[in-house]
Amino acid sequence: MGYRDFLNIVYYHGKDILEHDRMKLEKKFIQHGDYSVYEHSISVAVYSLRLAYYFNIDVDIRSLVRGALLHDYFLYDWHVYNPE
């Protein structure tokens, strides 16, 4: 399986999350250098699937994808100080 196959699995199991308005806000928040939180979350989901596939780990694919997509879900730009 290639990257595109894993990406398709992410979109299949996480489409509702990825299309949610609040998740789309994460496209504006930069996390690792020049990657948005949105891009980072998708990458984490893809690489989590790849690791499970490579090591032949029996996982709940839907839960794995959704957990990876939401692992940095925080809806604010942490670069901007706000005590709230």
Protein backbone atom coordinates (compact mmCIF):
# COMPACT_ATOMS: atom_id res chain seq x y z
CA MET A 1 0.00 0.00 0.00
CA GLY A 2 1.19 3.48 -0.83
CA TYR A 3 0.79 6.90 0.75
CA ARG A 4 -2.27 7.67 -1.38
CA ASP A 5 -3.98 4.48 -0.18
CA PHE A 6 -3.47 5.45 3.44
CA LEU A 7 -4.62 8.99 2.73
CA ASN A 8 -7.83 7.62 1.23
CA ILE A 9 -8.41 5.60 4.40
CA VAL A 10 -7.95 8.76 6.47
CA TYR A 11 -10.52 10.62 4.38
CA TYR A 12 -12.92 7.68 4.49
CA HIS A 13 -12.89 7.42 8.29
CA GLY A 14 -12.32 11.09 9.09
CA LYS A 15 -14.27 12.97 6.45
CA ASP A 16 -16.73 14.45 8.95
CA ILE A 17 -13.88 15.69 11.13
CA LEU A 18 -11.87 17.10 8.22
CA GLU A 19 -14.90 18.90 6.79
CA HIS A 20 -16.01 20.41 10.09
CA ASP A 21 -15.73 24.21 10.14
CA ARG A 22 -13.72 24.25 13.35
CA MET A 23 -11.24 21.71 12.03
CA LYS A 24 -10.82 23.81 8.90
CA LEU A 25 -9.71 26.67 11.17
CA GLU A 26 -6.62 24.61 11.94
CA LYS A 27 -5.41 25.28 8.40
CA LYS A 28 -4.52 28.77 9.68
CA PHE A 29 -2.52 27.61 12.70
CA ILE A 30 1.13 26.74 12.14
CA GLN A 31 2.59 24.01 14.30
CA HIS A 32 5.83 22.48 13.06
CA GLY A 33 7.77 25.03 11.06
CA ASP A 34 5.59 25.65 8.04
CA TYR A 35 2.94 22.93 8.46
CA SER A 36 -0.54 23.78 9.61
CA VAL A 37 -2.10 21.85 12.48
CA TYR A 38 -4.54 20.51 9.87
CA GLU A 39 -1.75 19.12 7.67
CA HIS A 40 0.10 17.79 10.69
CA SER A 41 -2.97 15.93 11.94
CA ILE A 42 -3.50 14.28 8.56
CA SER A 43 0.17 13.26 8.46
CA VAL A 44 -0.06 11.73 11.93
CA ALA A 45 -3.12 9.74 10.82
CA VAL A 46 -1.39 8.50 7.66
CA TYR A 47 1.82 7.51 9.45
CA SER A 48 -0.12 5.81 12.26
CA LEU A 49 -1.86 3.68 9.64
CA ARG A 50 1.43 2.95 7.90
CA LEU A 51 3.03 1.79 11.16
CA ALA A 52 0.07 -0.43 12.00
CA TYR A 53 0.19 -1.92 8.49
CA TYR A 54 3.98 -2.36 8.46
CA PHE A 55 4.06 -4.07 11.86
CA ASN A 56 0.84 -5.98 11.16
CA ILE A 57 -0.86 -4.59 14.29
CA ASP A 58 -4.55 -5.36 14.67
CA VAL A 59 -6.13 -1.97 15.32
CA ASP A 60 -9.53 -0.36 15.12
CA ILE A 61 -8.75 1.66 12.00
CA ARG A 62 -11.60 4.13 12.47
CA SER A 63 -10.55 4.91 16.05
CA LEU A 64 -6.89 5.17 15.07
CA VAL A 65 -7.64 7.67 12.29
CA ARG A 66 -10.03 9.76 14.34
CA GLY A 67 -7.73 9.86 17.36
CA ALA A 68 -4.80 10.91 15.19
CA LEU A 69 -6.84 13.65 13.51
CA LEU A 70 -7.95 15.04 16.86
CA HIS A 71 -4.73 14.66 18.85
CA ASP A 72 -3.87 18.37 18.52
CA TYR A 73 -7.40 19.72 18.27
CA PHE A 74 -7.36 22.95 20.24
CA LEU A 75 -8.87 25.68 18.03
CA TYR A 76 -6.53 28.50 18.89
CA ASP A 77 -3.18 29.80 17.75
CA TRP A 78 -0.88 28.93 20.65
CA HIS A 79 1.74 31.32 19.27
CA VAL A 80 -0.44 34.22 20.42
CA TYR A 81 -0.44 34.63 24.20
CA ASN A 82 -3.90 34.54 25.76
CA PRO A 83 -4.24 33.74 29.50
CA GLU A 84 -7.73 32.28 28.94
